[in-house]
Amino acid sequence: MIVCDSSEVLTPHALAVNPKLQGKGIGKMVVENILNIARKEHKKAVRLDVLGA
């Protein structure tokens, strides 16, 4: 568990990959970019809510 203020958390509001394009690494690339942004902004955590199909 990470204890931090909400200003220390990066929360992407939407992330979706077209079902026809899933399994091609697109989501992974997007998440890697989100993590890189969080590092550059010195965030302590990233919150990503995930929904299954």
PDB file of N, CA and C in Angstrom:
ATOM      1  N   MET A   1       0.834  -1.175   0.000  1.00  0.00           N
ATOM      2  CA  MET A   1       0.000   0.000   0.000  1.00  0.00           C
ATOM      3  C   MET A   1       0.883   1.244   0.000  1.00  0.00           C
ATOM      4  N   ILE A   2       0.520   2.212  -0.830  1.00  0.00           N
ATOM      5  CA  ILE A   2       1.251   3.470  -0.911  1.00  0.00           C
ATOM      6  C   ILE A   2       0.378   4.558  -0.303  1.00  0.00           C
ATOM      7  N   VAL A   3       0.936   5.283   0.644  1.00  0.00           N
ATOM      8  CA  VAL A   3       0.212   6.396   1.259  1.00  0.00           C
ATOM      9  C   VAL A   3       0.680   7.673   0.577  1.00  0.00           C
ATOM     10  N   CYS A   4      -0.259   8.388  -0.053  1.00  0.00           N
ATOM     11  CA  CYS A   4       0.099   9.629  -0.722  1.00  0.00           C
ATOM     12  C   CYS A   4      -1.131  10.506  -0.890  1.00  0.00           C
ATOM     13  N   ASP A   5      -0.876  11.763  -1.133  1.00  0.00           N
ATOM     14  CA  ASP A   5      -1.923  12.750  -1.389  1.00  0.00           C
ATOM     15  C   ASP A   5      -2.441  12.557  -2.812  1.00  0.00           C
ATOM     16  N   SER A   6      -3.662  12.956  -3.063  1.00  0.00           N
ATOM     17  CA  SER A   6      -4.234  12.780  -4.403  1.00  0.00           C
ATOM     18  C   SER A   6      -3.440  13.520  -5.480  1.00  0.00           C
ATOM     19  N   SER A   7      -2.737  14.593  -5.106  1.00  0.00           N
ATOM     20  CA  SER A   7      -1.914  15.318  -6.078  1.00  0.00           C
ATOM     21  C   SER A   7      -0.682  14.517  -6.503  1.00  0.00           C
ATOM     22  N   GLU A   8      -0.376  13.462  -5.769  1.00  0.00           N
ATOM     23  CA  GLU A   8       0.780  12.618  -6.073  1.00  0.00           C
ATOM     24  C   GLU A   8       0.401  11.383  -6.882  1.00  0.00           C
ATOM     25  N   VAL A   9      -0.856  11.345  -7.346  1.00  0.00           N
ATOM     26  CA  VAL A   9      -1.363  10.196  -8.098  1.00  0.00           C
ATOM     27  C   VAL A   9      -1.763  10.649  -9.495  1.00  0.00           C
ATOM     28  N   LEU A  10      -1.301   9.934 -10.498  1.00  0.00           N
ATOM     29  CA  LEU A  10      -1.731  10.179 -11.872  1.00  0.00           C
ATOM     30  C   LEU A  10      -2.887   9.234 -12.166  1.00  0.00           C
ATOM     31  N   THR A  11      -4.010   9.803 -12.618  1.00  0.00           N
ATOM     32  CA  THR A  11      -5.194   8.988 -12.901  1.00  0.00           C
ATOM     33  C   THR A  11      -5.652   9.225 -14.341  1.00  0.00           C
ATOM     34  N   PRO A  12      -5.286   8.336 -15.253  1.00  0.00           N
ATOM     35  CA  PRO A  12      -5.813   8.460 -16.621  1.00  0.00           C
ATOM     36  C   PRO A  12      -7.331   8.245 -16.578  1.00  0.00           C
ATOM     37  N   HIS A  13      -8.064   9.056 -17.313  1.00  0.00           N
ATOM     38  CA  HIS A  13      -9.523   8.970 -17.234  1.00  0.00           C
ATOM     39  C   HIS A  13     -10.131   7.942 -18.173  1.00  0.00           C
ATOM     40  N   ALA A  14      -9.437   7.609 -19.224  1.00  0.00           N
ATOM     41  CA  ALA A  14      -9.994   6.621 -20.148  1.00  0.00           C
ATOM     42  C   ALA A  14      -8.862   5.937 -20.919  1.00  0.00           C
ATOM     43  N   LEU A  15      -8.986   4.657 -21.044  1.00  0.00           N
ATOM     44  CA  LEU A  15      -8.036   3.874 -21.837  1.00  0.00           C
ATOM     45  C   LEU A  15      -8.823   2.724 -22.449  1.00  0.00           C
ATOM     46  N   ALA A  16      -8.848   2.690 -23.746  1.00  0.00           N
ATOM     47  CA  ALA A  16      -9.584   1.627 -24.423  1.00  0.00           C
ATOM     48  C   ALA A  16      -8.832   1.236 -25.695  1.00  0.00           C
ATOM     49  N   VAL A  17      -8.908  -0.028 -26.022  1.00  0.00           N
ATOM     50  CA  VAL A  17      -8.333  -0.524 -27.271  1.00  0.00           C
ATOM     51  C   VAL A  17      -9.460  -1.222 -28.022  1.00  0.00           C
ATOM     52  N   ASN A  18      -9.607  -0.846 -29.259  1.00  0.00           N
ATOM     53  CA  ASN A  18     -10.619  -1.469 -30.106  1.00  0.00           C
ATOM     54  C   ASN A  18     -10.452  -2.989 -30.033  1.00  0.00           C
ATOM     55  N   PRO A  19     -11.540  -3.728 -29.778  1.00  0.00           N
ATOM     56  CA  PRO A  19     -11.440  -5.184 -29.678  1.00  0.00           C
ATOM     57  C   PRO A  19     -10.755  -5.837 -30.889  1.00  0.00           C
ATOM     58  N   LYS A  20     -10.905  -5.262 -32.068  1.00  0.00           N
ATOM     59  CA  LYS A  20     -10.273  -5.822 -33.269  1.00  0.00           C
ATOM     60  C   LYS A  20      -8.756  -5.674 -33.231  1.00  0.00           C
ATOM     61  N   LEU A  21      -8.257  -4.745 -32.393  1.00  0.00           N
ATOM     62  CA  LEU A  21      -6.823  -4.486 -32.327  1.00  0.00           C
ATOM     63  C   LEU A  21      -6.184  -5.011 -31.046  1.00  0.00           C
ATOM     64  N   GLN A  22      -6.977  -5.624 -30.192  1.00  0.00           N
ATOM     65  CA  GLN A  22      -6.442  -6.142 -28.937  1.00  0.00           C
ATOM     66  C   GLN A  22      -5.478  -7.297 -29.199  1.00  0.00           C
ATOM     67  N   GLY A  23      -4.532  -7.466 -28.289  1.00  0.00           N
ATOM     68  CA  GLY A  23      -3.549  -8.535 -28.420  1.00  0.00           C
ATOM     69  C   GLY A  23      -2.362  -8.168 -29.289  1.00  0.00           C
ATOM     70  N   LYS A  24      -2.256  -6.899 -29.667  1.00  0.00           N
ATOM     71  CA  LYS A  24      -1.167  -6.447 -30.531  1.00  0.00           C
ATOM     72  C   LYS A  24      -0.179  -5.557 -29.785  1.00  0.00           C
ATOM     73  N   GLY A  25      -0.334  -5.433 -28.467  1.00  0.00           N
ATOM     74  CA  GLY A  25       0.609  -4.646 -27.673  1.00  0.00           C
ATOM     75  C   GLY A  25       0.287  -3.165 -27.583  1.00  0.00           C
ATOM     76  N   ILE A  26      -0.855  -2.749 -28.126  1.00  0.00           N
ATOM     77  CA  ILE A  26      -1.214  -1.327 -28.116  1.00  0.00           C
ATOM     78  C   ILE A  26      -1.474  -0.846 -26.684  1.00  0.00           C
ATOM     79  N   GLY A  27      -2.241  -1.595 -25.930  1.00  0.00           N
ATOM     80  CA  GLY A  27      -2.526  -1.231 -24.539  1.00  0.00           C
ATOM     81  C   GLY A  27      -1.252  -1.163 -23.716  1.00  0.00           C
ATOM     82  N   LYS A  28      -0.361  -2.102 -23.939  1.00  0.00           N
ATOM     83  CA  LYS A  28       0.921  -2.121 -23.222  1.00  0.00           C
ATOM     84  C   LYS A  28       1.721  -0.859 -23.526  1.00  0.00           C
ATOM     85  N   MET A  29       1.757  -0.454 -24.778  1.00  0.00           N
ATOM     86  CA  MET A  29       2.481   0.764 -25.159  1.00  0.00           C
ATOM     87  C   MET A  29       1.875   1.992 -24.484  1.00  0.00           C
ATOM     88  N   VAL A  30       0.557   2.055 -24.442  1.00  0.00           N
ATOM     89  CA  VAL A  30      -0.111   3.195 -23.817  1.00  0.00           C
ATOM     90  C   VAL A  30       0.190   3.233 -22.321  1.00  0.00           C
ATOM     91  N   VAL A  31       0.109   2.089 -21.657  1.00  0.00           N
ATOM     92  CA  VAL A  31       0.395   2.033 -20.212  1.00  0.00           C
ATOM     93  C   VAL A  31       1.855   2.404 -19.949  1.00  0.00           C
ATOM     94  N   GLU A  32       2.776   1.951 -20.775  1.00  0.00           N
ATOM     95  CA  GLU A  32       4.183   2.313 -20.606  1.00  0.00           C
ATOM     96  C   GLU A  32       4.365   3.832 -20.718  1.00  0.00           C
ATOM     97  N   ASN A  33       3.659   4.460 -21.649  1.00  0.00           N
ATOM     98  CA  ASN A  33       3.725   5.912 -21.789  1.00  0.00           C
ATOM     99  C   ASN A  33       3.123   6.616 -20.575  1.00  0.00           C
ATOM    100  N   ILE A  34       2.034   6.089 -20.056  1.00  0.00           N
ATOM    101  CA  ILE A  34       1.422   6.653 -18.848  1.00  0.00           C
ATOM    102  C   ILE A  34       2.414   6.583 -17.686  1.00  0.00           C
ATOM    103  N   LEU A  35       3.087   5.454 -17.525  1.00  0.00           N
ATOM    104  CA  LEU A  35       4.069   5.305 -16.450  1.00  0.00           C
ATOM    105  C   LEU A  35       5.244   6.262 -16.636  1.00  0.00           C
ATOM    106  N   ASN A  36       5.678   6.463 -17.869  1.00  0.00           N
ATOM    107  CA  ASN A  36       6.757   7.413 -18.133  1.00  0.00           C
ATOM    108  C   ASN A  36       6.347   8.833 -17.760  1.00  0.00           C
ATOM    109  N   ILE A  37       5.120   9.214 -18.073  1.00  0.00           N
ATOM    110  CA  ILE A  37       4.609  10.534 -17.705  1.00  0.00           C
ATOM    111  C   ILE A  37       4.579  10.670 -16.183  1.00  0.00           C
ATOM    112  N   ALA A  38       4.114   9.639 -15.508  1.00  0.00           N
ATOM    113  CA  ALA A  38       4.057   9.667 -14.042  1.00  0.00           C
ATOM    114  C   ALA A  38       5.456   9.853 -13.454  1.00  0.00           C
ATOM    115  N   ARG A  39       6.436   9.171 -14.004  1.00  0.00           N
ATOM    116  CA  ARG A  39       7.818   9.317 -13.515  1.00  0.00           C
ATOM    117  C   ARG A  39       8.318  10.744 -13.719  1.00  0.00           C
ATOM    118  N   LYS A  40       8.075  11.294 -14.912  1.00  0.00           N
ATOM    119  CA  LYS A  40       8.524  12.655 -15.213  1.00  0.00           C
ATOM    120  C   LYS A  40       7.866  13.680 -14.303  1.00  0.00           C
ATOM    121  N   GLU A  41       6.625  13.413 -13.914  1.00  0.00           N
ATOM    122  CA  GLU A  41       5.886  14.328 -13.037  1.00  0.00           C
ATOM    123  C   GLU A  41       6.090  13.996 -11.562  1.00  0.00           C
ATOM    124  N   HIS A  42       6.990  13.049 -11.280  1.00  0.00           N
ATOM    125  CA  HIS A  42       7.340  12.646  -9.906  1.00  0.00           C
ATOM    126  C   HIS A  42       6.117  12.190  -9.099  1.00  0.00           C
ATOM    127  N   LYS A  43       5.224  11.462  -9.760  1.00  0.00           N
ATOM    128  CA  LYS A  43       4.059  10.909  -9.068  1.00  0.00           C
ATOM    129  C   LYS A  43       4.480   9.675  -8.282  1.00  0.00           C
ATOM    130  N   LYS A  44       3.801   9.434  -7.195  1.00  0.00           N
ATOM    131  CA  LYS A  44       4.092   8.250  -6.371  1.00  0.00           C
ATOM    132  C   LYS A  44       3.287   7.033  -6.816  1.00  0.00           C
ATOM    133  N   ALA A  45       2.159   7.280  -7.522  1.00  0.00           N
ATOM    134  CA  ALA A  45       1.288   6.176  -7.898  1.00  0.00           C
ATOM    135  C   ALA A  45       0.509   6.518  -9.162  1.00  0.00           C
ATOM    136  N   VAL A  46       0.046   5.474  -9.819  1.00  0.00           N
ATOM    137  CA  VAL A  46      -0.845   5.604 -10.979  1.00  0.00           C
ATOM    138  C   VAL A  46      -2.070   4.787 -10.657  1.00  0.00           C
ATOM    139  N   ARG A  47      -3.232   5.369 -10.851  1.00  0.00           N
ATOM    140  CA  ARG A  47      -4.486   4.625 -10.633  1.00  0.00           C
ATOM    141  C   ARG A  47      -5.135   4.414 -11.994  1.00  0.00           C
ATOM    142  N   LEU A  48      -5.310   3.157 -12.334  1.00  0.00           N
ATOM    143  CA  LEU A  48      -5.937   2.809 -13.599  1.00  0.00           C
ATOM    144  C   LEU A  48      -7.029   1.791 -13.317  1.00  0.00           C
ATOM    145  N   ASP A  49      -8.271   2.190 -13.501  1.00  0.00           N
ATOM    146  CA  ASP A  49      -9.389   1.268 -13.334  1.00  0.00           C
ATOM    147  C   ASP A  49      -9.562   0.494 -14.644  1.00  0.00           C
ATOM    148  N   VAL A  50      -9.747  -0.807 -14.530  1.00  0.00           N
ATOM    149  CA  VAL A  50      -9.831  -1.664 -15.709  1.00  0.00           C
ATOM    150  C   VAL A  50     -11.166  -2.390 -15.718  1.00  0.00           C
ATOM    151  N   LEU A  51     -11.802  -2.409 -16.879  1.00  0.00           N
ATOM    152  CA  LEU A  51     -13.045  -3.147 -17.070  1.00  0.00           C
ATOM    153  C   LEU A  51     -12.809  -4.229 -18.108  1.00  0.00           C
ATOM    154  N   GLY A  52     -13.264  -5.412 -17.853  1.00  0.00           N
ATOM    155  CA  GLY A  52     -13.148  -6.502 -18.809  1.00  0.00           C
ATOM    156  C   GLY A  52     -14.292  -6.468 -19.813  1.00  0.00           C
ATOM    157  N   ALA A  53     -14.054  -7.100 -20.922  1.00  0.00           N
ATOM    158  CA  ALA A  53     -15.089  -7.141 -21.959  1.00  0.00           C
ATOM    159  C   ALA A  53     -16.110  -8.201 -21.639  1.00  0.00           C
TER     160      ALA A  53
END
